[in-house]
Amino acid sequence: MKSTVFQPNQVKSHTAHAKNIFYSVFATSRGGPNRIRLMWHLRRGHMTNAVIAKLLRLNYLTVKYHLQVLERNNLVIHTGEKRNVTFSVSTFFEINSGLFDEICKIKPELM
């Protein structure tokens, strides 16, 4: 799956779009709390699905599902193939990370 990479000069035109994505993925969906916890770990650096599952104490397939949702929304990217896949935050997430921090402050019970 190919992720869209936004350049800094494109951010202003995508602010409403970014806000919609961040709120729908993290604040209003049922899986939001797990995705928030997952992103906190990914902010530290590249990780595999198995490492994330162990850190979060979640099933491997649950983490895989959440990573797919995050990747579909251009919030994470992956490198490698098959068993050597690592995930990290996308440029789009980094540019709009203030929205993520805002959601975490508004909804501390999600963390």
PDB file of N, CA and C in Angstrom:
ATOM      1  N   MET A   1       0.844  -1.166   0.000  1.00  0.00           N
ATOM      2  CA  MET A   1       0.000   0.000   0.000  1.00  0.00           C
ATOM      3  C   MET A   1       0.895   1.236   0.000  1.00  0.00           C
ATOM      4  N   LYS A   2       0.650   2.155  -0.903  1.00  0.00           N
ATOM      5  CA  LYS A   2       1.470   3.341  -1.022  1.00  0.00           C
ATOM      6  C   LYS A   2       0.879   4.471  -0.187  1.00  0.00           C
ATOM      7  N   SER A   3       1.720   5.118   0.622  1.00  0.00           N
ATOM      8  CA  SER A   3       1.284   6.224   1.453  1.00  0.00           C
ATOM      9  C   SER A   3       1.498   7.537   0.723  1.00  0.00           C
ATOM     10  N   THR A   4       0.600   8.472   0.956  1.00  0.00           N
ATOM     11  CA  THR A   4       0.757   9.802   0.404  1.00  0.00           C
ATOM     12  C   THR A   4       1.659  10.586   1.331  1.00  0.00           C
ATOM     13  N   VAL A   5       2.657  11.250   0.785  1.00  0.00           N
ATOM     14  CA  VAL A   5       3.560  12.050   1.586  1.00  0.00           C
ATOM     15  C   VAL A   5       3.262  13.510   1.299  1.00  0.00           C
ATOM     16  N   PHE A   6       2.941  14.240   2.367  1.00  0.00           N
ATOM     17  CA  PHE A   6       2.637  15.652   2.229  1.00  0.00           C
ATOM     18  C   PHE A   6       3.882  16.472   2.527  1.00  0.00           C
ATOM     19  N   GLN A   7       4.146  17.453   1.718  1.00  0.00           N
ATOM     20  CA  GLN A   7       5.254  18.363   1.937  1.00  0.00           C
ATOM     21  C   GLN A   7       4.786  19.495   2.856  1.00  0.00           C
ATOM     22  N   PRO A   8       5.709  20.129   3.603  1.00  0.00           N
ATOM     23  CA  PRO A   8       5.314  21.198   4.524  1.00  0.00           C
ATOM     24  C   PRO A   8       4.486  22.306   3.881  1.00  0.00           C
ATOM     25  N   ASN A   9       4.757  22.642   2.612  1.00  0.00           N
ATOM     26  CA  ASN A   9       3.987  23.709   1.960  1.00  0.00           C
ATOM     27  C   ASN A   9       2.572  23.276   1.592  1.00  0.00           C
ATOM     28  N   GLN A  10       2.252  21.976   1.702  1.00  0.00           N
ATOM     29  CA  GLN A  10       0.918  21.481   1.394  1.00  0.00           C
ATOM     30  C   GLN A  10       0.035  21.386   2.637  1.00  0.00           C
ATOM     31  N   VAL A  11       0.610  21.538   3.807  1.00  0.00           N
ATOM     32  CA  VAL A  11      -0.117  21.288   5.048  1.00  0.00           C
ATOM     33  C   VAL A  11      -1.305  22.223   5.220  1.00  0.00           C
ATOM     34  N   LYS A  12      -1.145  23.495   4.931  1.00  0.00           N
ATOM     35  CA  LYS A  12      -2.230  24.440   5.143  1.00  0.00           C
ATOM     36  C   LYS A  12      -3.484  24.065   4.368  1.00  0.00           C
ATOM     37  N   SER A  13      -3.323  23.521   3.185  1.00  0.00           N
ATOM     38  CA  SER A  13      -4.489  23.141   2.392  1.00  0.00           C
ATOM     39  C   SER A  13      -5.099  21.829   2.882  1.00  0.00           C
ATOM     40  N   HIS A  14      -4.397  21.100   3.746  1.00  0.00           N
ATOM     41  CA  HIS A  14      -4.886  19.826   4.241  1.00  0.00           C
ATOM     42  C   HIS A  14      -5.246  19.869   5.727  1.00  0.00           C
ATOM     43  N   THR A  15      -5.287  21.023   6.349  1.00  0.00           N
ATOM     44  CA  THR A  15      -5.541  21.108   7.774  1.00  0.00           C
ATOM     45  C   THR A  15      -6.903  20.534   8.145  1.00  0.00           C
ATOM     46  N   ALA A  16      -7.962  20.905   7.435  1.00  0.00           N
ATOM     47  CA  ALA A  16      -9.298  20.369   7.731  1.00  0.00           C
ATOM     48  C   ALA A  16      -9.323  18.869   7.462  1.00  0.00           C
ATOM     49  N   HIS A  17      -8.669  18.455   6.394  1.00  0.00           N
ATOM     50  CA  HIS A  17      -8.578  17.037   6.059  1.00  0.00           C
ATOM     51  C   HIS A  17      -7.851  16.279   7.175  1.00  0.00           C
ATOM     52  N   ALA A  18      -6.742  16.820   7.628  1.00  0.00           N
ATOM     53  CA  ALA A  18      -5.963  16.179   8.695  1.00  0.00           C
ATOM     54  C   ALA A  18      -6.781  16.089   9.977  1.00  0.00           C
ATOM     55  N   LYS A  19      -7.482  17.143  10.320  1.00  0.00           N
ATOM     56  CA  LYS A  19      -8.297  17.144  11.540  1.00  0.00           C
ATOM     57  C   LYS A  19      -9.374  16.060  11.461  1.00  0.00           C
ATOM     58  N   ASN A  20     -10.022  15.937  10.313  1.00  0.00           N
ATOM     59  CA  ASN A  20     -11.041  14.891  10.139  1.00  0.00           C
ATOM     60  C   ASN A  20     -10.445  13.502  10.319  1.00  0.00           C
ATOM     61  N   ILE A  21      -9.286  13.269   9.729  1.00  0.00           N
ATOM     62  CA  ILE A  21      -8.642  11.960   9.852  1.00  0.00           C
ATOM     63  C   ILE A  21      -8.262  11.678  11.293  1.00  0.00           C
ATOM     64  N   PHE A  22      -7.573  12.603  11.937  1.00  0.00           N
ATOM     65  CA  PHE A  22      -7.109  12.383  13.301  1.00  0.00           C
ATOM     66  C   PHE A  22      -8.268  12.134  14.262  1.00  0.00           C
ATOM     67  N   TYR A  23      -9.320  12.932  14.150  1.00  0.00           N
ATOM     68  CA  TYR A  23     -10.452  12.744  15.060  1.00  0.00           C
ATOM     69  C   TYR A  23     -11.209  11.452  14.773  1.00  0.00           C
ATOM     70  N   SER A  24     -11.353  11.093  13.510  1.00  0.00           N
ATOM     71  CA  SER A  24     -12.083   9.862  13.217  1.00  0.00           C
ATOM     72  C   SER A  24     -11.282   8.625  13.601  1.00  0.00           C
ATOM     73  N   VAL A  25      -9.973   8.655  13.442  1.00  0.00           N
ATOM     74  CA  VAL A  25      -9.137   7.491  13.753  1.00  0.00           C
ATOM     75  C   VAL A  25      -8.866   7.350  15.255  1.00  0.00           C
ATOM     76  N   PHE A  26      -8.677   8.472  15.950  1.00  0.00           N
ATOM     77  CA  PHE A  26      -8.271   8.409  17.349  1.00  0.00           C
ATOM     78  C   PHE A  26      -9.369   8.749  18.364  1.00  0.00           C
ATOM     79  N   ALA A  27     -10.245   9.675  18.050  1.00  0.00           N
ATOM     80  CA  ALA A  27     -11.178  10.167  19.067  1.00  0.00           C
ATOM     81  C   ALA A  27     -12.566   9.559  18.997  1.00  0.00           C
ATOM     82  N   THR A  28     -13.070   9.300  17.811  1.00  0.00           N
ATOM     83  CA  THR A  28     -14.465   8.877  17.711  1.00  0.00           C
ATOM     84  C   THR A  28     -14.660   7.407  17.393  1.00  0.00           C
ATOM     85  N   SER A  29     -13.585   6.703  17.077  1.00  0.00           N
ATOM     86  CA  SER A  29     -13.747   5.284  16.731  1.00  0.00           C
ATOM     87  C   SER A  29     -13.537   4.400  17.954  1.00  0.00           C
ATOM     88  N   ARG A  30     -14.077   3.213  17.884  1.00  0.00           N
ATOM     89  CA  ARG A  30     -13.952   2.256  18.985  1.00  0.00           C
ATOM     90  C   ARG A  30     -12.511   1.840  19.239  1.00  0.00           C
ATOM     91  N   GLY A  31     -11.715   1.782  18.193  1.00  0.00           N
ATOM     92  CA  GLY A  31     -10.319   1.374  18.321  1.00  0.00           C
ATOM     93  C   GLY A  31      -9.372   2.510  18.657  1.00  0.00           C
ATOM     94  N   GLY A  32      -9.914   3.697  18.850  1.00  0.00           N
ATOM     95  CA  GLY A  32      -9.099   4.874  19.128  1.00  0.00           C
ATOM     96  C   GLY A  32      -8.100   4.719  20.269  1.00  0.00           C
ATOM     97  N   PRO A  33      -8.522   4.213  21.432  1.00  0.00           N
ATOM     98  CA  PRO A  33      -7.569   4.079  22.546  1.00  0.00           C
ATOM     99  C   PRO A  33      -6.364   3.197  22.204  1.00  0.00           C
ATOM    100  N   ASN A  34      -6.599   2.086  21.528  1.00  0.00           N
ATOM    101  CA  ASN A  34      -5.475   1.226  21.144  1.00  0.00           C
ATOM    102  C   ASN A  34      -4.584   1.906  20.113  1.00  0.00           C
ATOM    103  N   ARG A  35      -5.174   2.647  19.207  1.00  0.00           N
ATOM    104  CA  ARG A  35      -4.378   3.343  18.185  1.00  0.00           C
ATOM    105  C   ARG A  35      -3.546   4.453  18.804  1.00  0.00           C
ATOM    106  N   ILE A  36      -4.102   5.126  19.800  1.00  0.00           N
ATOM    107  CA  ILE A  36      -3.331   6.162  20.498  1.00  0.00           C
ATOM    108  C   ILE A  36      -2.133   5.541  21.189  1.00  0.00           C
ATOM    109  N   ARG A  37      -2.346   4.463  21.908  1.00  0.00           N
ATOM    110  CA  ARG A  37      -1.244   3.777  22.592  1.00  0.00           C
ATOM    111  C   ARG A  37      -0.200   3.294  21.587  1.00  0.00           C
ATOM    112  N   LEU A  38      -0.663   2.774  20.468  1.00  0.00           N
ATOM    113  CA  LEU A  38       0.225   2.290  19.419  1.00  0.00           C
ATOM    114  C   LEU A  38       1.088   3.435  18.870  1.00  0.00           C
ATOM    115  N   MET A  39       0.473   4.571  18.605  1.00  0.00           N
ATOM    116  CA  MET A  39       1.211   5.704  18.051  1.00  0.00           C
ATOM    117  C   MET A  39       2.219   6.268  19.042  1.00  0.00           C
ATOM    118  N   TRP A  40       1.911   6.220  20.334  1.00  0.00           N
ATOM    119  CA  TRP A  40       2.877   6.682  21.337  1.00  0.00           C
ATOM    120  C   TRP A  40       4.152   5.855  21.241  1.00  0.00           C
ATOM    121  N   HIS A  41       4.025   4.574  21.035  1.00  0.00           N
ATOM    122  CA  HIS A  41       5.205   3.719  20.897  1.00  0.00           C
ATOM    123  C   HIS A  41       5.923   3.961  19.581  1.00  0.00           C
ATOM    124  N   LEU A  42       5.164   4.127  18.501  1.00  0.00           N
ATOM    125  CA  LEU A  42       5.796   4.342  17.190  1.00  0.00           C
ATOM    126  C   LEU A  42       6.520   5.683  17.102  1.00  0.00           C
ATOM    127  N   ARG A  43       6.118   6.636  17.906  1.00  0.00           N
ATOM    128  CA  ARG A  43       6.803   7.925  17.910  1.00  0.00           C
ATOM    129  C   ARG A  43       8.256   7.777  18.358  1.00  0.00           C
ATOM    130  N   ARG A  44       8.555   6.724  19.088  1.00  0.00           N
ATOM    131  CA  ARG A  44       9.925   6.482  19.564  1.00  0.00           C
ATOM    132  C   ARG A  44      10.833   5.956  18.464  1.00  0.00           C
ATOM    133  N   GLY A  45      10.255   5.386  17.416  1.00  0.00           N
ATOM    134  CA  GLY A  45      11.067   4.868  16.316  1.00  0.00           C
ATOM    135  C   GLY A  45      10.406   3.694  15.619  1.00  0.00           C
ATOM    136  N   HIS A  46      11.154   3.067  14.742  1.00  0.00           N
ATOM    137  CA  HIS A  46      10.664   1.931  13.948  1.00  0.00           C
ATOM    138  C   HIS A  46      10.420   0.724  14.840  1.00  0.00           C
ATOM    139  N   MET A  47       9.312   0.032  14.604  1.00  0.00           N
ATOM    140  CA  MET A  47       8.992  -1.181  15.353  1.00  0.00           C
ATOM    141  C   MET A  47       8.263  -2.165  14.460  1.00  0.00           C
ATOM    142  N   THR A  48       8.394  -3.429  14.808  1.00  0.00           N
ATOM    143  CA  THR A  48       7.660  -4.467  14.092  1.00  0.00           C
ATOM    144  C   THR A  48       6.305  -4.675  14.759  1.00  0.00           C
ATOM    145  N   ASN A  49       5.423  -5.345  14.037  1.00  0.00           N
ATOM    146  CA  ASN A  49       4.100  -5.672  14.564  1.00  0.00           C
ATOM    147  C   ASN A  49       4.227  -6.485  15.849  1.00  0.00           C
ATOM    148  N   ALA A  50       5.123  -7.458  15.864  1.00  0.00           N
ATOM    149  CA  ALA A  50       5.284  -8.330  17.029  1.00  0.00           C
ATOM    150  C   ALA A  50       5.755  -7.559  18.254  1.00  0.00           C
ATOM    151  N   VAL A  51       6.675  -6.630  18.080  1.00  0.00           N
ATOM    152  CA  VAL A  51       7.173  -5.828  19.199  1.00  0.00           C
ATOM    153  C   VAL A  51       6.051  -4.955  19.759  1.00  0.00           C
ATOM    154  N   ILE A  52       5.292  -4.346  18.873  1.00  0.00           N
ATOM    155  CA  ILE A  52       4.177  -3.499  19.308  1.00  0.00           C
ATOM    156  C   ILE A  52       3.150  -4.331  20.059  1.00  0.00           C
ATOM    157  N   ALA A  53       2.826  -5.496  19.538  1.00  0.00           N
ATOM    158  CA  ALA A  53       1.851  -6.371  20.193  1.00  0.00           C
ATOM    159  C   ALA A  53       2.312  -6.726  21.608  1.00  0.00           C
ATOM    160  N   LYS A  54       3.584  -6.995  21.763  1.00  0.00           N
ATOM    161  CA  LYS A  54       4.121  -7.341  23.076  1.00  0.00           C
ATOM    162  C   LYS A  54       4.068  -6.136  24.023  1.00  0.00           C
ATOM    163  N   LEU A  55       4.449  -4.961  23.533  1.00  0.00           N
ATOM    164  CA  LEU A  55       4.424  -3.755  24.356  1.00  0.00           C
ATOM    165  C   LEU A  55       3.014  -3.396  24.821  1.00  0.00           C
ATOM    166  N   LEU A  56       2.046  -3.557  23.917  1.00  0.00           N
ATOM    167  CA  LEU A  56       0.665  -3.190  24.223  1.00  0.00           C
ATOM    168  C   LEU A  56      -0.121  -4.318  24.876  1.00  0.00           C
ATOM    169  N   ARG A  57       0.481  -5.509  24.896  1.00  0.00           N
ATOM    170  CA  ARG A  57      -0.196  -6.699  25.424  1.00  0.00           C
ATOM    171  C   ARG A  57      -1.504  -6.964  24.675  1.00  0.00           C
ATOM    172  N   LEU A  58      -1.384  -6.877  23.357  1.00  0.00           N
ATOM    173  CA  LEU A  58      -2.513  -7.142  22.473  1.00  0.00           C
ATOM    174  C   LEU A  58      -2.158  -8.287  21.534  1.00  0.00           C
ATOM    175  N   ASN A  59      -3.178  -8.896  20.989  1.00  0.00           N
ATOM    176  CA  ASN A  59      -3.007  -9.949  20.003  1.00  0.00           C
ATOM    177  C   ASN A  59      -2.328  -9.374  18.759  1.00  0.00           C
ATOM    178  N   TYR A  60      -1.460 -10.184  18.164  1.00  0.00           N
ATOM    179  CA  TYR A  60      -0.735  -9.805  16.952  1.00  0.00           C
ATOM    180  C   TYR A  60      -1.693  -9.350  15.848  1.00  0.00           C
ATOM    181  N   LEU A  61      -2.793 -10.073  15.651  1.00  0.00           N
ATOM    182  CA  LEU A  61      -3.746  -9.736  14.591  1.00  0.00           C
ATOM    183  C   LEU A  61      -4.491  -8.437  14.887  1.00  0.00           C
ATOM    184  N   THR A  62      -4.719  -8.156  16.161  1.00  0.00           N
ATOM    185  CA  THR A  62      -5.355  -6.890  16.546  1.00  0.00           C
ATOM    186  C   THR A  62      -4.446  -5.732  16.165  1.00  0.00           C
ATOM    187  N   VAL A  63      -3.183  -5.861  16.487  1.00  0.00           N
ATOM    188  CA  VAL A  63      -2.211  -4.812  16.155  1.00  0.00           C
ATOM    189  C   VAL A  63      -2.093  -4.673  14.640  1.00  0.00           C
ATOM    190  N   LYS A  64      -2.084  -5.790  13.944  1.00  0.00           N
ATOM    191  CA  LYS A  64      -2.015  -5.763  12.476  1.00  0.00           C
ATOM    192  C   LYS A  64      -3.189  -4.971  11.898  1.00  0.00           C
ATOM    193  N   TYR A  65      -4.383  -5.213  12.422  1.00  0.00           N
ATOM    194  CA  TYR A  65      -5.573  -4.494  11.963  1.00  0.00           C
ATOM    195  C   TYR A  65      -5.425  -2.983  12.195  1.00  0.00           C
ATOM    196  N   HIS A  66      -5.013  -2.608  13.407  1.00  0.00           N
ATOM    197  CA  HIS A  66      -4.869  -1.180  13.716  1.00  0.00           C
ATOM    198  C   HIS A  66      -3.788  -0.525  12.851  1.00  0.00           C
ATOM    199  N   LEU A  67      -2.714  -1.237  12.597  1.00  0.00           N
ATOM    200  CA  LEU A  67      -1.674  -0.702  11.717  1.00  0.00           C
ATOM    201  C   LEU A  67      -2.196  -0.507  10.296  1.00  0.00           C
ATOM    202  N   GLN A  68      -3.045  -1.419   9.832  1.00  0.00           N
ATOM    203  CA  GLN A  68      -3.637  -1.265   8.499  1.00  0.00           C
ATOM    204  C   GLN A  68      -4.532  -0.030   8.437  1.00  0.00           C
ATOM    205  N   VAL A  69      -5.311   0.188   9.485  1.00  0.00           N
ATOM    206  CA  VAL A  69      -6.175   1.378   9.536  1.00  0.00           C
ATOM    207  C   VAL A  69      -5.316   2.642   9.518  1.00  0.00           C
ATOM    208  N   LEU A  70      -4.268   2.651  10.321  1.00  0.00           N
ATOM    209  CA  LEU A  70      -3.388   3.817  10.382  1.00  0.00           C
ATOM    210  C   LEU A  70      -2.664   4.046   9.059  1.00  0.00           C
ATOM    211  N   GLU A  71      -2.273   2.969   8.408  1.00  0.00           N
ATOM    212  CA  GLU A  71      -1.586   3.104   7.120  1.00  0.00           C
ATOM    213  C   GLU A  71      -2.546   3.584   6.027  1.00  0.00           C
ATOM    214  N   ARG A  72      -3.770   3.081   6.034  1.00  0.00           N
ATOM    215  CA  ARG A  72      -4.782   3.539   5.059  1.00  0.00           C
ATOM    216  C   ARG A  72      -5.035   5.031   5.198  1.00  0.00           C
ATOM    217  N   ASN A  73      -4.877   5.555   6.409  1.00  0.00           N
ATOM    218  CA  ASN A  73      -5.105   6.975   6.664  1.00  0.00           C
ATOM    219  C   ASN A  73      -3.815   7.791   6.644  1.00  0.00           C
ATOM    220  N   ASN A  74      -2.745   7.196   6.115  1.00  0.00           N
ATOM    221  CA  ASN A  74      -1.459   7.878   5.937  1.00  0.00           C
ATOM    222  C   ASN A  74      -0.833   8.359   7.249  1.00  0.00           C
ATOM    223  N   LEU A  75      -1.071   7.641   8.327  1.00  0.00           N
ATOM    224  CA  LEU A  75      -0.500   8.014   9.618  1.00  0.00           C
ATOM    225  C   LEU A  75       0.740   7.204   9.958  1.00  0.00           C
ATOM    226  N   VAL A  76       0.891   6.032   9.359  1.00  0.00           N
ATOM    227  CA  VAL A  76       2.110   5.233   9.509  1.00  0.00           C
ATOM    228  C   VAL A  76       2.559   4.754   8.134  1.00  0.00           C
ATOM    229  N   ILE A  77       3.819   4.414   8.058  1.00  0.00           N
ATOM    230  CA  ILE A  77       4.373   3.835   6.844  1.00  0.00           C
ATOM    231  C   ILE A  77       5.114   2.559   7.232  1.00  0.00           C
ATOM    232  N   HIS A  78       5.290   1.680   6.259  1.00  0.00           N
ATOM    233  CA  HIS A  78       6.047   0.465   6.532  1.00  0.00           C
ATOM    234  C   HIS A  78       7.209   0.345   5.555  1.00  0.00           C
ATOM    235  N   THR A  79       8.234  -0.355   6.022  1.00  0.00           N
ATOM    236  CA  THR A  79       9.370  -0.678   5.165  1.00  0.00           C
ATOM    237  C   THR A  79       9.651  -2.166   5.320  1.00  0.00           C
ATOM    238  N   GLY A  80      10.177  -2.765   4.303  1.00  0.00           N
ATOM    239  CA  GLY A  80      10.484  -4.184   4.337  1.00  0.00           C
ATOM    240  C   GLY A  80       9.340  -5.019   3.795  1.00  0.00           C
ATOM    241  N   GLU A  81       9.564  -6.340   3.797  1.00  0.00           N
ATOM    242  CA  GLU A  81       8.563  -7.272   3.275  1.00  0.00           C
ATOM    243  C   GLU A  81       8.402  -8.460   4.205  1.00  0.00           C
ATOM    244  N   LYS A  82       7.247  -9.058   4.140  1.00  0.00           N
ATOM    245  CA  LYS A  82       6.885 -10.271   4.870  1.00  0.00           C
ATOM    246  C   LYS A  82       7.231 -10.169   6.349  1.00  0.00           C
ATOM    247  N   ARG A  83       8.178 -10.941   6.834  1.00  0.00           N
ATOM    248  CA  ARG A  83       8.501 -10.967   8.270  1.00  0.00           C
ATOM    249  C   ARG A  83       9.451  -9.859   8.704  1.00  0.00           C
ATOM    250  N   ASN A  84       9.969  -9.117   7.775  1.00  0.00           N
ATOM    251  CA  ASN A  84      10.904  -8.041   8.097  1.00  0.00           C
ATOM    252  C   ASN A  84      10.273  -6.657   7.956  1.00  0.00           C
ATOM    253  N   VAL A  85       8.993  -6.559   8.192  1.00  0.00           N
ATOM    254  CA  VAL A  85       8.289  -5.285   8.041  1.00  0.00           C
ATOM    255  C   VAL A  85       8.410  -4.491   9.338  1.00  0.00           C
ATOM    256  N   THR A  86       8.831  -3.239   9.203  1.00  0.00           N
ATOM    257  CA  THR A  86       8.850  -2.334  10.346  1.00  0.00           C
ATOM    258  C   THR A  86       7.950  -1.146  10.031  1.00  0.00           C
ATOM    259  N   PHE A  87       7.364  -0.610  11.069  1.00  0.00           N
ATOM    260  CA  PHE A  87       6.448   0.513  10.936  1.00  0.00           C
ATOM    261  C   PHE A  87       7.022   1.735  11.634  1.00  0.00           C
ATOM    262  N   SER A  88       6.676   2.898  11.119  1.00  0.00           N
ATOM    263  CA  SER A  88       7.064   4.165  11.740  1.00  0.00           C
ATOM    264  C   SER A  88       6.004   5.209  11.404  1.00  0.00           C
ATOM    265  N   VAL A  89       6.071   6.336  12.102  1.00  0.00           N
ATOM    266  CA  VAL A  89       5.094   7.392  11.832  1.00  0.00           C
ATOM    267  C   VAL A  89       5.412   8.016  10.477  1.00  0.00           C
ATOM    268  N   SER A  90       4.381   8.469   9.807  1.00  0.00           N
ATOM    269  CA  SER A  90       4.543   9.070   8.479  1.00  0.00           C
ATOM    270  C   SER A  90       4.877  10.556   8.609  1.00  0.00           C
ATOM    271  N   THR A  91       5.302  11.125   7.511  1.00  0.00           N
ATOM    272  CA  THR A  91       5.550  12.566   7.461  1.00  0.00           C
ATOM    273  C   THR A  91       4.254  13.323   7.737  1.00  0.00           C
ATOM    274  N   PHE A  92       3.152  12.827   7.197  1.00  0.00           N
ATOM    275  CA  PHE A  92       1.842  13.449   7.421  1.00  0.00           C
ATOM    276  C   PHE A  92       1.526  13.492   8.921  1.00  0.00           C
ATOM    277  N   PHE A  93       1.801  12.395   9.638  1.00  0.00           N
ATOM    278  CA  PHE A  93       1.566  12.382  11.085  1.00  0.00           C
ATOM    279  C   PHE A  93       2.487  13.370  11.783  1.00  0.00           C
ATOM    280  N   GLU A  94       3.759  13.374  11.430  1.00  0.00           N
ATOM    281  CA  GLU A  94       4.719  14.273  12.073  1.00  0.00           C
ATOM    282  C   GLU A  94       4.324  15.737  11.893  1.00  0.00           C
ATOM    283  N   ILE A  95       3.926  16.098  10.688  1.00  0.00           N
ATOM    284  CA  ILE A  95       3.539  17.482  10.408  1.00  0.00           C
ATOM    285  C   ILE A  95       2.311  17.883  11.215  1.00  0.00           C
ATOM    286  N   ASN A  96       1.398  16.938  11.391  1.00  0.00           N
ATOM    287  CA  ASN A  96       0.139  17.226  12.098  1.00  0.00           C
ATOM    288  C   ASN A  96       0.102  16.639  13.505  1.00  0.00           C
ATOM    289  N   SER A  97       1.254  16.370  14.094  1.00  0.00           N
ATOM    290  CA  SER A  97       1.291  15.728  15.409  1.00  0.00           C
ATOM    291  C   SER A  97       0.643  16.581  16.498  1.00  0.00           C
ATOM    292  N   GLY A  98       0.533  17.877  16.272  1.00  0.00           N
ATOM    293  CA  GLY A  98      -0.154  18.745  17.226  1.00  0.00           C
ATOM    294  C   GLY A  98      -1.609  18.333  17.403  1.00  0.00           C
ATOM    295  N   LEU A  99      -2.235  17.873  16.333  1.00  0.00           N
ATOM    296  CA  LEU A  99      -3.614  17.379  16.424  1.00  0.00           C
ATOM    297  C   LEU A  99      -3.687  16.140  17.319  1.00  0.00           C
ATOM    298  N   PHE A 100      -2.700  15.266  17.189  1.00  0.00           N
ATOM    299  CA  PHE A 100      -2.639  14.064  18.021  1.00  0.00           C
ATOM    300  C   PHE A 100      -2.486  14.453  19.496  1.00  0.00           C
ATOM    301  N   ASP A 101      -1.585  15.389  19.771  1.00  0.00           N
ATOM    302  CA  ASP A 101      -1.375  15.847  21.147  1.00  0.00           C
ATOM    303  C   ASP A 101      -2.638  16.498  21.704  1.00  0.00           C
ATOM    304  N   GLU A 102      -3.335  17.230  20.856  1.00  0.00           N
ATOM    305  CA  GLU A 102      -4.592  17.877  21.252  1.00  0.00           C
ATOM    306  C   GLU A 102      -5.640  16.838  21.644  1.00  0.00           C
ATOM    307  N   ILE A 103      -5.766  15.792  20.856  1.00  0.00           N
ATOM    308  CA  ILE A 103      -6.726  14.725  21.155  1.00  0.00           C
ATOM    309  C   ILE A 103      -6.361  14.042  22.462  1.00  0.00           C
ATOM    310  N   CYS A 104      -5.079  13.813  22.685  1.00  0.00           N
ATOM    311  CA  CYS A 104      -4.635  13.160  23.925  1.00  0.00           C
ATOM    312  C   CYS A 104      -4.928  14.026  25.144  1.00  0.00           C
ATOM    313  N   LYS A 105      -4.875  15.349  25.010  1.00  0.00           N
ATOM    314  CA  LYS A 105      -5.197  16.244  26.118  1.00  0.00           C
ATOM    315  C   LYS A 105      -6.699  16.296  26.370  1.00  0.00           C
ATOM    316  N   ILE A 106      -7.482  16.304  25.289  1.00  0.00           N
ATOM    317  CA  ILE A 106      -8.937  16.392  25.397  1.00  0.00           C
ATOM    318  C   ILE A 106      -9.510  15.095  25.962  1.00  0.00           C
ATOM    319  N   LYS A 107      -8.961  13.969  25.558  1.00  0.00           N
ATOM    320  CA  LYS A 107      -9.488  12.662  25.941  1.00  0.00           C
ATOM    321  C   LYS A 107      -8.414  11.856  26.665  1.00  0.00           C
ATOM    322  N   PRO A 108      -8.009  12.283  27.864  1.00  0.00           N
ATOM    323  CA  PRO A 108      -6.952  11.532  28.573  1.00  0.00           C
ATOM    324  C   PRO A 108      -7.360  10.121  28.940  1.00  0.00           C
ATOM    325  N   GLU A 109      -8.661   9.850  29.011  1.00  0.00           N
ATOM    326  CA  GLU A 109      -9.118   8.502  29.338  1.00  0.00           C
ATOM    327  C   GLU A 109      -8.801   7.500  28.232  1.00  0.00           C
ATOM    328  N   LEU A 110      -8.438   7.989  27.049  1.00  0.00           N
ATOM    329  CA  LEU A 110      -8.104   7.089  25.947  1.00  0.00           C
ATOM    330  C   LEU A 110      -6.693   6.526  26.097  1.00  0.00           C
ATOM    331  N   MET A 111      -5.903   7.143  26.911  1.00  0.00           N
ATOM    332  CA  MET A 111      -4.501   6.713  27.007  1.00  0.00           C
ATOM    333  C   MET A 111      -4.292   5.623  28.012  1.00  0.00           C
TER     334      MET A 111
END
